[in-house]
Amino acid sequence: MVPRAPKWAPCFDHPTELPWECATIAVPMNHFNLSDERSFTIALSKIPASKDKVKKGTVFTNPGGPGKHLSLLTRKSGPGLHRILQGEYDLVGFDPRGINLTSPAVSCFENQLEQYLFDLGSLSFNIPASLSLLRDGHLESQVAISRAGIEAVNRKCVEQVGEHLKYVSTADVIRDIHWMSRALDGDDAKINFFGTSYGTIVGQYLTMMTPPEKLGKVVIDGVVDAELWLEYGINIFKQGLDDNNKVFGAFAQSCLDVGEECALSKHFQTVDDILAAMDSLIDSLYLYPIPLDHPALPSLSFQAGNLRLAYNAMAYSITSWKAFAGHIEDALFKSNFSGLPVGQPINLTEAALKPAQSERAGSAIFCADAKQWDLPKLTPREWTKAAMWGLETYTSRVGEFLSALDHCDLWDIKFENRFVSHSFVSRLFTIRHRYDRGFKLENGTLETPILILSQLYDPVTPLVHATDALERFGDNSRLVVQSDGYGHCAIGQASLCTAKILRDYYVNGIVPAESYTRCQVDQKPFLPWNDTQAVLQHLDISATNIEDFAGAVSLLEGLAMMGEGMRDQRTRLGL
């Protein structure tokens, strides 16, 4: 195989007034054996550079997951990034190997109904916020049931996807980006990238696996610790919830600060009072689940685990805080929980007719990247101990969530290879090309330092992950922290300061002079958002020409659009 330029055509579901193109490109299943004709067909979407601009290259994007519909995510937040980059780059989103529109996808269910029913029993556990209320053996029994289902589904994944499942690691995705860059821009083009959340793992791998002279401009936002990512899967998410309680505290303090803009402010006087009331709701539902007729929760009871999902979702974005406070008020004082279920309405009959998505791809990617599992399979009691450690160390509200994403020992499956004339049994993920050489760069390695963005308090990718990355990359990186920012990823809370840094980096090639820059946010919790008013707070309008003012508004609006796109997609995916 050789890289071949894709044939772009208008996307059938054109989402905006911008020109939008879609295509597919074939990449080798095994980049180290090009004589093997098996391949993945990667789904692409593109916002072309503006016709009146001199194209500066292509920016590949990855907004997280893994396992989500990433080419579509770019079509949500892409217009905002296009605006910040002033139309000077092609923006290309793609579904990485194994994910959704890319084929073959890691599809482990016959239809979306099967997938939905599986998720009900595996995404959350019924745990009280007051851990002293947890009944002896109750969490362990939930874990045992959940892990038995996960192992059964993993076996089904192996049967349905076959040997392609061995080649879904992030290192394989980086080799695909190299392949696609050659196909799109030629052998000499530099590779540019923008990634958030899991996309920061892609960005860090890209930085280490790309020859320095081939690496262009790389931005990562909401940093996952890449060194931890290489450990045993059970350790991947250590530190991940370091700042989670601080986000909840910021929610409560912001509520009190804005007064009547927050529905809870008239009922409580202190941060501790608000958080104690929220915890009491979890405890109440743990002891006494309630019936709830809701389109996202058809014919089911509403339990502590369902509310924990809602709390987890709230922490991701300040734009949800106002509505969330109203829903908590309804639950506390009217016993009305109808605003709190997380997820999109589902029609069970229609779901049975729709093909399943690639939700299990995320677990396969985690475990393909992690250190090979060479220990005995964890017992439910051992895994429960790990979950309890998260609850006790980080937060009893959502402390089990990150550990719930990992069950790498359950991918340790034998299967018969169906692609050769003779049969043999092989162990999943043993024939792979995993990256394991670390993430430290000597000073002066890169021509253009990478740009690292972070909130002050992020519920799942804490600031310490960003500062650790800065230390490892040395003068090959710069860190921008939104010093009053809360929620997942800096783009989730608009800042003119951050938007200008992004524009100057990509468009003008200007890198922050200092290794660590602090930016203030302009988008505040609970308060109405107006980008024009936000810009007016920064500029002396009497001394600013209209072009500069309009440019600042456009920048801030672009960053707000990116955040809105990220939030919309999380809602669509039921997160």
Protein backbone atom coordinates (compact mmCIF):
# COMPACT_ATOMS: atom_id res chain seq x y z
CA MET A 1 0.00 0.00 0.00
CA VAL A 2 1.01 3.60 -0.58
CA PRO A 3 -0.69 6.81 0.61
CA ARG A 4 -3.30 8.02 -1.88
CA ALA A 5 -5.05 11.38 -1.77
CA PRO A 6 -8.71 11.00 -0.77
CA LYS A 7 -11.51 12.11 -3.05
CA TRP A 8 -13.33 14.86 -1.19
CA ALA A 9 -17.02 15.52 -1.72
CA PRO A 10 -19.61 17.70 0.04
CA CYS A 11 -20.84 16.05 3.24
CA PHE A 12 -24.42 14.83 2.96
CA ASP A 13 -25.38 16.43 6.28
CA HIS A 14 -23.72 19.81 5.74
CA PRO A 15 -23.82 21.39 9.22
CA THR A 16 -22.99 25.09 8.70
CA GLU A 17 -22.61 27.81 6.10
CA LEU A 18 -18.92 26.90 5.81
CA PRO A 19 -17.87 24.58 2.97
CA TRP A 20 -17.69 21.07 4.37
CA GLU A 21 -16.15 18.02 2.76
CA CYS A 22 -16.04 14.34 3.62
CA ALA A 23 -13.93 11.45 2.38
CA THR A 24 -12.34 8.16 3.36
CA ILE A 25 -8.75 6.99 3.18
CA ALA A 26 -7.32 3.49 3.45
CA VAL A 27 -4.45 2.91 5.89
CA PRO A 28 -2.58 -0.34 6.51
CA MET A 29 -3.85 -2.53 9.31
CA ASN A 30 -0.20 -3.22 10.15
CA HIS A 31 2.17 -0.38 9.25
CA PHE A 32 5.12 -2.74 9.73
CA ASN A 33 3.90 -5.22 7.12
CA LEU A 34 2.72 -3.30 4.05
CA SER A 35 2.54 -6.52 2.03
CA ASP A 36 -0.47 -7.45 4.17
CA GLU A 37 -3.35 -5.95 2.19
CA ARG A 38 -5.73 -5.75 5.13
CA SER A 39 -6.55 -2.17 6.06
CA PHE A 40 -8.70 0.24 8.00
CA THR A 41 -10.82 2.72 6.06
CA ILE A 42 -10.63 6.01 7.96
CA ALA A 43 -13.59 8.43 7.84
CA LEU A 44 -12.55 12.07 7.34
CA SER A 45 -14.26 15.45 7.45
CA LYS A 46 -12.68 18.77 6.50
CA ILE A 47 -13.26 22.50 6.67
CA PRO A 48 -11.00 23.78 3.87
CA ALA A 49 -8.84 26.83 4.31
CA SER A 50 -10.55 30.00 3.09
CA LYS A 51 -10.12 30.59 -0.63
CA ASP A 52 -8.82 34.11 -0.07
CA LYS A 53 -6.04 32.87 2.24
CA VAL A 54 -2.69 31.28 1.54
CA LYS A 55 -3.04 27.83 3.07
CA LYS A 56 -0.47 27.24 5.81
CA GLY A 57 -1.10 23.52 6.11
CA THR A 58 -3.48 21.04 7.72
CA VAL A 59 -4.45 20.86 11.39
CA PHE A 60 -5.55 17.38 12.44
CA THR A 61 -7.96 17.38 15.39
CA ASN A 62 -8.93 14.90 18.07
CA PRO A 63 -11.44 16.10 20.69
CA GLY A 64 -11.19 13.14 23.03
CA GLY A 65 -12.86 9.88 23.89
CA PRO A 66 -11.47 7.52 22.92
CA GLY A 67 -14.26 5.58 21.28
CA LYS A 68 -16.43 8.53 20.28
CA HIS A 69 -17.52 9.86 16.91
CA LEU A 70 -14.57 12.18 16.29
CA SER A 71 -15.08 13.32 12.71
CA LEU A 72 -18.55 14.51 13.76
CA LEU A 73 -17.11 16.24 16.82
CA THR A 74 -14.92 18.32 14.54
CA ARG A 75 -18.01 19.34 12.61
CA LYS A 76 -19.43 20.73 15.86
CA SER A 77 -16.44 22.69 17.12
CA GLY A 78 -14.61 23.06 13.82
CA PRO A 79 -16.21 26.39 12.83
CA GLY A 80 -14.93 27.94 16.06
CA LEU A 81 -11.37 26.73 15.46
CA HIS A 82 -11.61 27.82 11.81
CA ARG A 83 -12.44 31.33 13.04
CA ILE A 84 -9.55 31.46 15.52
CA LEU A 85 -7.14 30.23 12.83
CA GLN A 86 -8.57 32.89 10.49
CA GLY A 87 -9.20 30.33 7.77
CA GLU A 88 -5.51 29.78 7.09
CA TYR A 89 -5.49 25.98 7.58
CA ASP A 90 -7.46 23.00 6.40
CA LEU A 91 -9.08 21.49 9.51
CA VAL A 92 -9.34 17.72 9.31
CA GLY A 93 -11.20 15.53 11.78
CA PHE A 94 -11.15 11.75 11.53
CA ASP A 95 -12.60 8.72 13.25
CA PRO A 96 -9.46 6.84 14.36
CA ARG A 97 -9.14 3.14 13.58
CA GLY A 98 -11.85 1.09 15.26
CA ILE A 99 -14.20 4.03 15.87
CA ASN A 100 -17.69 4.54 14.40
CA LEU A 101 -17.63 5.58 10.72
CA THR A 102 -14.15 4.14 10.27
CA SER A 103 -14.27 0.48 9.32
CA PRO A 104 -13.96 -2.03 10.68
CA ALA A 105 -15.27 -0.45 13.87
CA VAL A 106 -15.03 -2.04 17.30
CA SER A 107 -18.72 -2.87 17.38
CA CYS A 108 -19.57 -5.42 20.04
CA PHE A 109 -23.38 -5.40 19.99
CA GLU A 110 -26.01 -6.35 17.47
CA ASN A 111 -27.87 -3.05 17.87
CA GLN A 112 -28.14 0.08 20.03
CA LEU A 113 -30.70 -1.54 22.34
CA GLU A 114 -28.19 -4.20 23.37
CA GLN A 115 -25.61 -1.48 23.90
CA TYR A 116 -28.04 0.63 25.97
CA LEU A 117 -29.00 -2.27 28.23
CA PHE A 118 -25.33 -3.14 28.75
CA ASP A 119 -24.51 0.47 29.67
CA LEU A 120 -27.25 0.53 32.30
CA GLY A 121 -25.41 -2.10 34.28
CA SER A 122 -21.81 -1.06 33.70
CA LEU A 123 -21.51 2.74 33.67
CA SER A 124 -22.38 3.48 37.27
CA PHE A 125 -22.69 1.81 40.65
CA ASN A 126 -25.14 2.51 43.45
CA ILE A 127 -22.90 3.97 46.14
CA PRO A 128 -23.84 6.46 48.87
CA ALA A 129 -21.91 9.70 49.31
CA SER A 130 -21.63 8.84 53.01
CA LEU A 131 -19.55 5.69 52.64
CA SER A 132 -20.48 4.54 56.15
CA LEU A 133 -23.93 3.76 54.70
CA LEU A 134 -22.50 1.32 52.13
CA ARG A 135 -23.86 -2.12 52.95
CA ASP A 136 -21.30 -4.88 53.46
CA GLY A 137 -20.53 -6.61 50.17
CA HIS A 138 -22.96 -4.44 48.18
CA LEU A 139 -20.36 -2.77 45.96
CA GLU A 140 -18.47 -6.02 45.47
CA SER A 141 -21.62 -7.78 44.27
CA GLN A 142 -22.31 -4.93 41.82
CA VAL A 143 -18.73 -5.16 40.59
CA ALA A 144 -18.98 -8.92 40.11
CA ILE A 145 -22.13 -8.57 37.97
CA SER A 146 -20.65 -5.69 35.96
CA ARG A 147 -17.34 -7.40 35.26
CA ALA A 148 -19.02 -10.62 34.19
CA GLY A 149 -21.00 -8.62 31.62
CA ILE A 150 -17.91 -6.73 30.46
CA GLU A 151 -15.95 -9.94 29.95
CA ALA A 152 -18.80 -11.45 27.94
CA VAL A 153 -19.01 -8.35 25.75
CA ASN A 154 -15.24 -8.30 25.25
CA ARG A 155 -15.42 -11.87 23.98
CA LYS A 156 -18.11 -10.79 21.57
CA CYS A 157 -15.91 -7.92 20.39
CA VAL A 158 -13.10 -10.33 19.62
CA GLU A 159 -15.44 -12.63 17.70
CA GLN A 160 -16.95 -9.80 15.65
CA VAL A 161 -13.88 -7.64 14.96
CA GLY A 162 -11.17 -10.28 14.77
CA GLU A 163 -7.50 -9.52 14.31
CA HIS A 164 -8.04 -5.85 13.50
CA LEU A 165 -8.69 -5.43 17.22
CA LYS A 166 -4.98 -5.95 17.88
CA TYR A 167 -4.13 -2.79 15.93
CA VAL A 168 -6.14 -0.01 17.60
CA SER A 169 -3.44 1.48 19.83
CA THR A 170 -2.69 5.19 19.91
CA ALA A 171 0.72 4.45 18.39
CA ASP A 172 -1.09 2.94 15.38
CA VAL A 173 -3.21 6.12 15.16
CA ILE A 174 -0.04 8.25 15.04
CA ARG A 175 1.25 6.14 12.15
CA ASP A 176 -2.11 6.77 10.44
CA ILE A 177 -1.68 10.53 10.90
CA HIS A 178 1.77 10.31 9.29
CA TRP A 179 0.21 8.34 6.41
CA MET A 180 -2.68 10.79 6.01
CA SER A 181 -0.35 13.80 6.10
CA ARG A 182 1.66 12.37 3.21
CA ALA A 183 -1.55 11.71 1.29
CA LEU A 184 -3.02 15.18 1.93
CA ASP A 185 0.00 17.49 1.85
CA GLY A 186 2.96 15.52 0.51
CA ASP A 187 6.08 14.01 2.03
CA ASP A 188 7.63 17.30 3.13
CA ALA A 189 4.64 18.80 4.96
CA LYS A 190 4.78 19.49 8.67
CA ILE A 191 2.08 17.95 10.85
CA ASN A 192 -0.10 20.27 12.94
CA PHE A 193 -2.52 19.10 15.62
CA PHE A 194 -5.16 20.23 18.12
CA GLY A 195 -6.39 17.77 20.75
CA THR A 196 -8.43 17.82 23.94
CA SER A 197 -8.79 15.24 26.73
CA TYR A 198 -7.73 11.84 25.28
CA GLY A 199 -6.66 13.92 22.27
CA THR A 200 -3.82 15.16 24.49
CA ILE A 201 -2.51 11.60 24.62
CA VAL A 202 -2.59 11.58 20.81
CA GLY A 203 -0.76 14.94 20.82
CA GLN A 204 1.94 13.72 23.22
CA TYR A 205 2.44 10.49 21.24
CA LEU A 206 2.59 12.55 18.03
CA THR A 207 5.26 14.80 19.54
CA MET A 208 7.43 11.83 20.51
CA MET A 209 6.86 9.66 17.42
CA THR A 210 7.27 12.35 14.75
CA PRO A 211 10.74 13.43 13.59
CA PRO A 212 11.27 16.94 15.04
CA GLU A 213 11.74 18.46 11.58
CA LYS A 214 8.31 17.10 10.56
CA LEU A 215 6.40 18.39 13.58
CA GLY A 216 4.57 21.68 13.13
CA LYS A 217 2.30 23.34 15.68
CA VAL A 218 0.71 21.14 18.37
CA VAL A 219 -1.85 22.26 20.98
CA ILE A 220 -3.14 19.98 23.76
CA ASP A 221 -5.90 21.01 26.18
CA GLY A 222 -7.10 19.09 29.25
CA VAL A 223 -3.96 17.00 29.65
CA VAL A 224 -3.95 13.31 30.49
CA ASP A 225 -0.67 12.11 32.03
CA ALA A 226 1.03 10.15 29.25
CA GLU A 227 3.48 8.42 31.60
CA LEU A 228 0.63 7.02 33.69
CA TRP A 229 -1.08 6.01 30.44
CA LEU A 230 1.77 3.54 29.81
CA GLU A 231 1.35 1.74 33.14
CA TYR A 232 -0.96 -1.17 33.93
CA GLY A 233 -4.49 -0.17 33.00
CA ILE A 234 -5.62 -0.15 36.62
CA ASN A 235 -3.13 2.71 37.25
CA ILE A 236 -3.96 4.85 34.20
CA PHE A 237 -6.28 7.18 36.06
CA LYS A 238 -4.27 7.89 39.21
CA GLN A 239 -4.42 11.62 40.01
CA GLY A 240 -7.25 12.05 37.49
CA LEU A 241 -9.72 13.22 40.13
CA ASP A 242 -7.24 15.33 42.10
CA ASP A 243 -9.22 18.54 41.50
CA ASN A 244 -12.73 17.09 41.38
CA ASN A 245 -13.79 18.21 44.87
CA LYS A 246 -12.43 21.67 44.09
CA VAL A 247 -14.78 21.91 41.08
CA PHE A 248 -17.74 21.01 43.31
CA GLY A 249 -16.56 23.61 45.82
CA ALA A 250 -16.31 26.19 43.01
CA PHE A 251 -19.87 25.34 41.96
CA ALA A 252 -21.17 26.00 45.48
CA GLN A 253 -19.10 29.15 46.03
CA SER A 254 -20.09 30.59 42.63
CA CYS A 255 -23.72 29.89 43.48
CA LEU A 256 -23.48 31.93 46.66
CA ASP A 257 -21.54 34.70 44.89
CA VAL A 258 -24.17 35.32 42.19
CA GLY A 259 -27.16 35.34 44.52
CA GLU A 260 -30.51 35.03 42.77
CA GLU A 261 -28.90 33.80 39.53
CA CYS A 262 -28.45 30.46 41.36
CA ALA A 263 -31.60 28.73 42.60
CA LEU A 264 -29.83 27.23 45.64
CA SER A 265 -28.48 30.53 47.01
CA LYS A 266 -31.73 31.41 48.78
CA HIS A 267 -31.74 28.13 50.70
CA PHE A 268 -28.15 27.90 51.94
CA GLN A 269 -25.57 30.15 53.55
CA THR A 270 -22.29 28.26 53.09
CA VAL A 271 -20.45 26.07 50.61
CA ASP A 272 -20.52 23.16 53.06
CA ASP A 273 -24.30 23.48 53.40
CA ILE A 274 -24.82 23.20 49.63
CA LEU A 275 -22.48 20.22 49.27
CA ALA A 276 -23.98 18.44 52.27
CA ALA A 277 -27.46 18.83 50.76
CA MET A 278 -26.22 17.42 47.43
CA ASP A 279 -24.64 14.47 49.23
CA SER A 280 -27.86 13.85 51.14
CA LEU A 281 -29.68 13.31 47.82
CA ILE A 282 -27.22 10.57 46.84
CA ASP A 283 -27.61 8.93 50.25
CA SER A 284 -31.40 9.10 50.07
CA LEU A 285 -31.49 7.46 46.63
CA TYR A 286 -29.05 4.80 47.77
CA LEU A 287 -31.37 3.82 50.60
CA TYR A 288 -34.68 4.50 48.82
CA PRO A 289 -34.64 4.52 44.98
CA ILE A 290 -37.64 6.22 43.39
CA PRO A 291 -39.74 5.43 40.31
CA LEU A 292 -39.13 7.92 37.52
CA ASP A 293 -40.77 8.10 34.11
CA HIS A 294 -38.19 9.77 31.88
CA PRO A 295 -37.44 9.36 28.12
CA ALA A 296 -33.74 8.80 28.86
CA LEU A 297 -34.57 6.27 31.58
CA PRO A 298 -37.60 4.34 30.31
CA SER A 299 -39.59 2.42 32.91
CA LEU A 300 -36.78 2.33 35.44
CA SER A 301 -36.12 3.47 38.97
CA PHE A 302 -33.86 6.44 39.67
CA GLN A 303 -31.03 5.35 41.96
CA ALA A 304 -27.89 6.75 43.53
CA GLY A 305 -25.84 5.63 40.54
CA ASN A 306 -28.02 7.67 38.17
CA LEU A 307 -27.57 10.79 40.28
CA ARG A 308 -23.82 10.22 40.47
CA LEU A 309 -23.78 10.31 36.65
CA ALA A 310 -25.55 13.67 36.75
CA TYR A 311 -23.03 15.06 39.26
CA ASN A 312 -20.16 13.84 37.12
CA ALA A 313 -21.63 15.50 34.02
CA MET A 314 -22.18 18.80 35.86
CA ALA A 315 -18.53 19.07 36.82
CA TYR A 316 -17.46 19.10 33.16
CA SER A 317 -18.91 22.48 32.20
CA ILE A 318 -19.84 25.69 34.00
CA THR A 319 -22.53 26.36 31.39
CA SER A 320 -24.60 23.57 32.93
CA TRP A 321 -24.40 24.95 36.47
CA LYS A 322 -27.39 27.28 36.41
CA ALA A 323 -29.81 24.62 35.15
CA PHE A 324 -28.25 21.98 37.40
CA ALA A 325 -28.80 24.16 40.49
CA GLY A 326 -32.46 24.47 39.54
CA HIS A 327 -32.79 20.70 39.16
CA ILE A 328 -31.14 20.15 42.57
CA GLU A 329 -33.56 22.65 44.12
CA ASP A 330 -36.49 20.74 42.59
CA ALA A 331 -35.13 17.45 43.96
CA LEU A 332 -34.47 18.81 47.45
CA PHE A 333 -37.64 20.81 48.01
CA LYS A 334 -40.20 19.32 45.61
CA SER A 335 -39.00 15.69 45.41
CA ASN A 336 -38.85 16.22 41.63
CA PHE A 337 -35.85 14.45 40.07
CA SER A 338 -37.03 14.67 36.45
CA GLY A 339 -34.34 17.19 35.42
CA LEU A 340 -31.42 15.06 36.57
CA PRO A 341 -31.22 11.89 34.42
CA VAL A 342 -28.21 11.98 32.10
CA GLY A 343 -28.53 10.91 28.48
CA GLN A 344 -30.55 11.36 25.37
CA PRO A 345 -34.18 10.19 25.12
CA ILE A 346 -34.28 6.66 23.79
CA ASN A 347 -36.99 4.79 21.95
CA LEU A 348 -36.37 1.14 22.73
CA THR A 349 -38.12 -0.08 19.58
CA GLU A 350 -36.09 2.19 17.32
CA ALA A 351 -32.88 1.37 19.19
CA ALA A 352 -33.37 -2.31 18.40
CA LEU A 353 -33.27 -1.44 14.68
CA LYS A 354 -30.20 0.82 14.73
CA PRO A 355 -26.66 -0.54 14.39
CA ALA A 356 -24.52 -0.34 17.51
CA GLN A 357 -21.77 2.23 17.85
CA SER A 358 -18.16 1.71 18.87
CA GLU A 359 -18.42 2.50 22.58
CA ARG A 360 -16.20 -0.44 23.59
CA ALA A 361 -13.39 0.87 21.39
CA GLY A 362 -12.37 3.13 24.25
CA SER A 363 -11.57 0.20 26.53
CA ALA A 364 -9.69 -1.59 23.73
CA ILE A 365 -7.56 1.52 23.08
CA PHE A 366 -6.83 2.08 26.78
CA CYS A 367 -5.68 -1.49 27.16
CA ALA A 368 -3.73 -1.66 23.90
CA ASP A 369 -1.72 1.36 25.08
CA ALA A 370 -1.25 0.19 28.67
CA LYS A 371 1.43 -2.17 29.90
CA GLN A 372 0.61 -5.72 28.84
CA TRP A 373 -1.55 -7.36 31.50
CA ASP A 374 0.61 -10.23 32.77
CA LEU A 375 -0.94 -10.65 36.21
CA PRO A 376 -3.76 -12.92 37.36
CA LYS A 377 -7.24 -11.67 36.55
CA LEU A 378 -8.51 -9.39 39.28
CA THR A 379 -11.17 -10.76 41.58
CA PRO A 380 -14.27 -8.64 42.23
CA ARG A 381 -12.90 -7.97 45.72
CA GLU A 382 -9.57 -6.69 44.37
CA TRP A 383 -11.26 -4.43 41.82
CA THR A 384 -13.68 -3.18 44.50
CA LYS A 385 -10.67 -2.26 46.64
CA ALA A 386 -9.33 -0.11 43.77
CA ALA A 387 -12.71 1.61 43.37
CA MET A 388 -12.94 2.24 47.11
CA TRP A 389 -9.47 3.78 47.04
CA GLY A 390 -10.75 6.30 44.48
CA LEU A 391 -13.83 7.06 46.56
CA GLU A 392 -11.82 7.58 49.74
CA THR A 393 -8.85 9.38 48.15
CA TYR A 394 -10.61 11.76 45.78
CA THR A 395 -14.34 12.17 46.28
CA SER A 396 -17.17 9.98 47.52
CA ARG A 397 -19.50 11.62 44.97
CA VAL A 398 -17.84 10.32 41.80
CA GLY A 399 -14.57 8.75 42.92
CA GLU A 400 -15.23 5.40 41.24
CA PHE A 401 -15.83 6.74 37.73
CA LEU A 402 -12.33 6.70 36.27
CA SER A 403 -11.53 3.26 37.66
CA ALA A 404 -14.77 2.06 36.10
CA LEU A 405 -13.32 2.78 32.66
CA ASP A 406 -10.58 0.20 33.02
CA HIS A 407 -10.90 -3.58 32.98
CA CYS A 408 -7.75 -4.49 31.01
CA ASP A 409 -7.49 -7.90 32.63
CA LEU A 410 -10.80 -8.79 30.97
CA TRP A 411 -9.29 -8.34 27.48
CA ASP A 412 -6.88 -11.21 28.17
CA ILE A 413 -8.77 -13.43 25.72
CA LYS A 414 -7.73 -16.24 23.43
CA PHE A 415 -9.33 -16.51 20.02
CA GLU A 416 -8.92 -18.42 16.80
CA ASN A 417 -7.36 -16.44 13.97
CA ARG A 418 -9.78 -16.48 11.03
CA PHE A 419 -7.51 -14.85 8.48
CA VAL A 420 -4.93 -17.55 7.71
CA SER A 421 -5.28 -20.99 6.21
CA HIS A 422 -4.08 -22.73 9.35
CA SER A 423 -5.70 -22.17 12.72
CA PHE A 424 -3.82 -20.95 15.74
CA VAL A 425 -4.69 -19.37 19.04
CA SER A 426 -3.22 -15.99 19.98
CA ARG A 427 -3.58 -13.64 22.89
CA LEU A 428 -5.19 -10.28 22.24
CA PHE A 429 -2.85 -7.25 22.14
CA THR A 430 0.36 -9.32 22.13
CA ILE A 431 1.02 -8.70 18.42
CA ARG A 432 1.08 -4.94 18.55
CA HIS A 433 3.46 -2.03 18.19
CA ARG A 434 2.96 -0.26 21.47
CA TYR A 435 4.86 2.95 22.20
CA ASP A 436 6.75 2.69 25.50
CA ARG A 437 9.79 4.99 25.20
CA GLY A 438 8.60 7.74 27.56
CA PHE A 439 7.72 11.39 27.03
CA LYS A 440 10.81 13.42 27.91
CA LEU A 441 12.49 15.70 25.36
CA GLU A 442 15.91 17.28 25.49
CA ASN A 443 15.77 21.06 25.52
CA GLY A 444 15.99 22.56 22.04
CA THR A 445 14.58 19.48 20.27
CA LEU A 446 11.59 21.18 18.63
CA GLU A 447 11.64 24.14 16.27
CA THR A 448 8.22 25.24 17.57
CA PRO A 449 7.34 24.41 21.19
CA ILE A 450 4.02 22.68 21.74
CA LEU A 451 1.28 24.64 23.53
CA ILE A 452 -0.33 23.12 26.64
CA LEU A 453 -3.67 24.48 27.92
CA SER A 454 -5.33 23.76 31.26
CA GLN A 455 -8.04 24.94 33.58
CA LEU A 456 -7.09 25.70 37.18
CA TYR A 457 -9.55 23.03 38.36
CA ASP A 458 -10.47 20.29 35.90
CA PRO A 459 -12.62 17.41 37.19
CA VAL A 460 -10.83 14.64 35.26
CA THR A 461 -7.54 16.06 33.88
CA PRO A 462 -5.99 17.98 36.78
CA LEU A 463 -3.49 20.81 36.48
CA VAL A 464 -0.70 18.57 37.80
CA HIS A 465 -0.89 16.54 34.58
CA ALA A 466 -0.24 19.72 32.57
CA THR A 467 2.62 20.89 34.79
CA ASP A 468 4.20 17.42 34.65
CA ALA A 469 4.02 17.52 30.84
CA LEU A 470 5.64 20.97 30.88
CA GLU A 471 8.48 19.62 33.03
CA ARG A 472 9.05 16.62 30.75
CA PHE A 473 9.04 18.62 27.53
CA GLY A 474 11.17 21.45 28.96
CA ASP A 475 11.70 24.40 26.63
CA ASN A 476 9.93 22.45 23.90
CA SER A 477 6.61 23.48 25.46
CA ARG A 478 4.65 26.36 26.93
CA LEU A 479 1.81 26.14 29.46
CA VAL A 480 -1.25 28.42 29.54
CA VAL A 481 -3.46 28.07 32.64
CA GLN A 482 -6.88 29.70 32.96
CA SER A 483 -6.34 30.76 36.57
CA ASP A 484 -10.04 31.12 37.42
CA GLY A 485 -11.19 28.33 35.11
CA TYR A 486 -13.37 25.39 36.19
CA GLY A 487 -14.49 22.38 34.18
CA HIS A 488 -13.00 20.08 31.58
CA CYS A 489 -10.63 21.75 29.10
CA ALA A 490 -9.81 25.42 28.69
CA ILE A 491 -11.90 25.74 25.54
CA GLY A 492 -14.94 24.93 27.68
CA GLN A 493 -14.77 28.39 29.32
CA ALA A 494 -14.06 31.26 26.92
CA SER A 495 -11.09 33.56 27.54
CA LEU A 496 -9.97 36.32 25.16
CA CYS A 497 -6.44 35.91 26.52
CA THR A 498 -6.40 32.21 25.57
CA ALA A 499 -8.01 32.86 22.19
CA LYS A 500 -5.34 35.43 21.30
CA ILE A 501 -2.56 33.03 22.28
CA LEU A 502 -4.08 30.33 20.07
CA ARG A 503 -4.41 32.71 17.13
CA ASP A 504 -0.89 34.07 17.49
CA TYR A 505 0.53 30.54 17.80
CA TYR A 506 -1.09 29.05 14.71
CA VAL A 507 -1.43 32.13 12.49
CA ASN A 508 1.57 34.28 13.36
CA GLY A 509 3.97 31.67 14.71
CA ILE A 510 4.28 33.54 18.03
CA VAL A 511 5.02 31.43 21.10
CA PRO A 512 4.48 32.79 24.64
CA ALA A 513 7.78 34.15 25.94
CA GLU A 514 7.39 32.59 29.38
CA SER A 515 7.07 28.87 30.04
CA TYR A 516 3.97 29.47 32.21
CA THR A 517 1.25 31.99 31.29
CA ARG A 518 -1.89 32.75 33.31
CA CYS A 519 -5.09 33.83 31.57
CA GLN A 520 -8.31 35.08 33.12
CA VAL A 521 -11.61 33.67 31.86
CA ASP A 522 -14.37 35.88 30.50
CA GLN A 523 -17.20 33.34 30.67
CA LYS A 524 -18.42 33.16 34.27
CA PRO A 525 -20.55 30.51 36.02
CA PHE A 526 -24.30 31.18 36.27
CA LEU A 527 -24.12 34.53 34.43
CA PRO A 528 -25.45 35.22 30.90
CA TRP A 529 -22.75 35.05 28.20
CA ASN A 530 -22.20 37.88 25.74
CA ASP A 531 -18.93 37.91 23.79
CA THR A 532 -19.25 41.58 22.79
CA GLN A 533 -19.70 42.70 26.38
CA ALA A 534 -16.78 40.51 27.42
CA VAL A 535 -14.50 42.21 24.88
CA LEU A 536 -15.64 45.66 26.05
CA GLN A 537 -14.26 44.82 29.50
CA HIS A 538 -10.79 44.40 27.96
CA LEU A 539 -10.61 47.31 25.51
CA ASP A 540 -10.78 51.06 25.73
CA ILE A 541 -13.31 51.43 22.93
CA SER A 542 -12.44 55.11 22.42
CA ALA A 543 -8.84 54.14 21.65
CA THR A 544 -9.55 50.97 19.67
CA ASN A 545 -10.27 50.87 15.96
CA ILE A 546 -13.28 48.94 14.75
CA GLU A 547 -11.17 46.27 13.03
CA ASP A 548 -9.36 45.40 16.27
CA PHE A 549 -12.62 45.37 18.21
CA ALA A 550 -14.38 43.17 15.65
CA GLY A 551 -11.36 40.87 15.54
CA ALA A 552 -11.39 40.45 19.31
CA VAL A 553 -15.11 39.68 19.31
CA SER A 554 -14.59 37.13 16.52
CA LEU A 555 -11.79 35.45 18.45
CA LEU A 556 -13.78 35.17 21.66
CA GLU A 557 -16.85 33.98 19.78
CA GLY A 558 -14.72 31.34 18.05
CA LEU A 559 -13.47 29.95 21.35
CA ALA A 560 -17.01 29.96 22.77
CA MET A 561 -18.18 28.04 19.67
CA MET A 562 -15.51 25.41 20.28
CA GLY A 563 -16.67 24.96 23.85
CA GLU A 564 -20.30 24.80 22.80
CA GLY A 565 -19.48 22.18 20.19
CA MET A 566 -17.70 20.05 22.79
CA ARG A 567 -20.65 20.34 25.19
CA ASP A 568 -23.24 19.59 22.50
CA GLN A 569 -21.44 16.44 21.51
CA ARG A 570 -21.12 15.24 25.10
CA THR A 571 -24.89 15.71 25.44
CA ARG A 572 -25.56 13.80 22.23
CA LEU A 573 -23.41 10.95 23.48
CA GLY A 574 -25.23 10.91 26.82
CA LEU A 575 -22.26 12.15 28.87
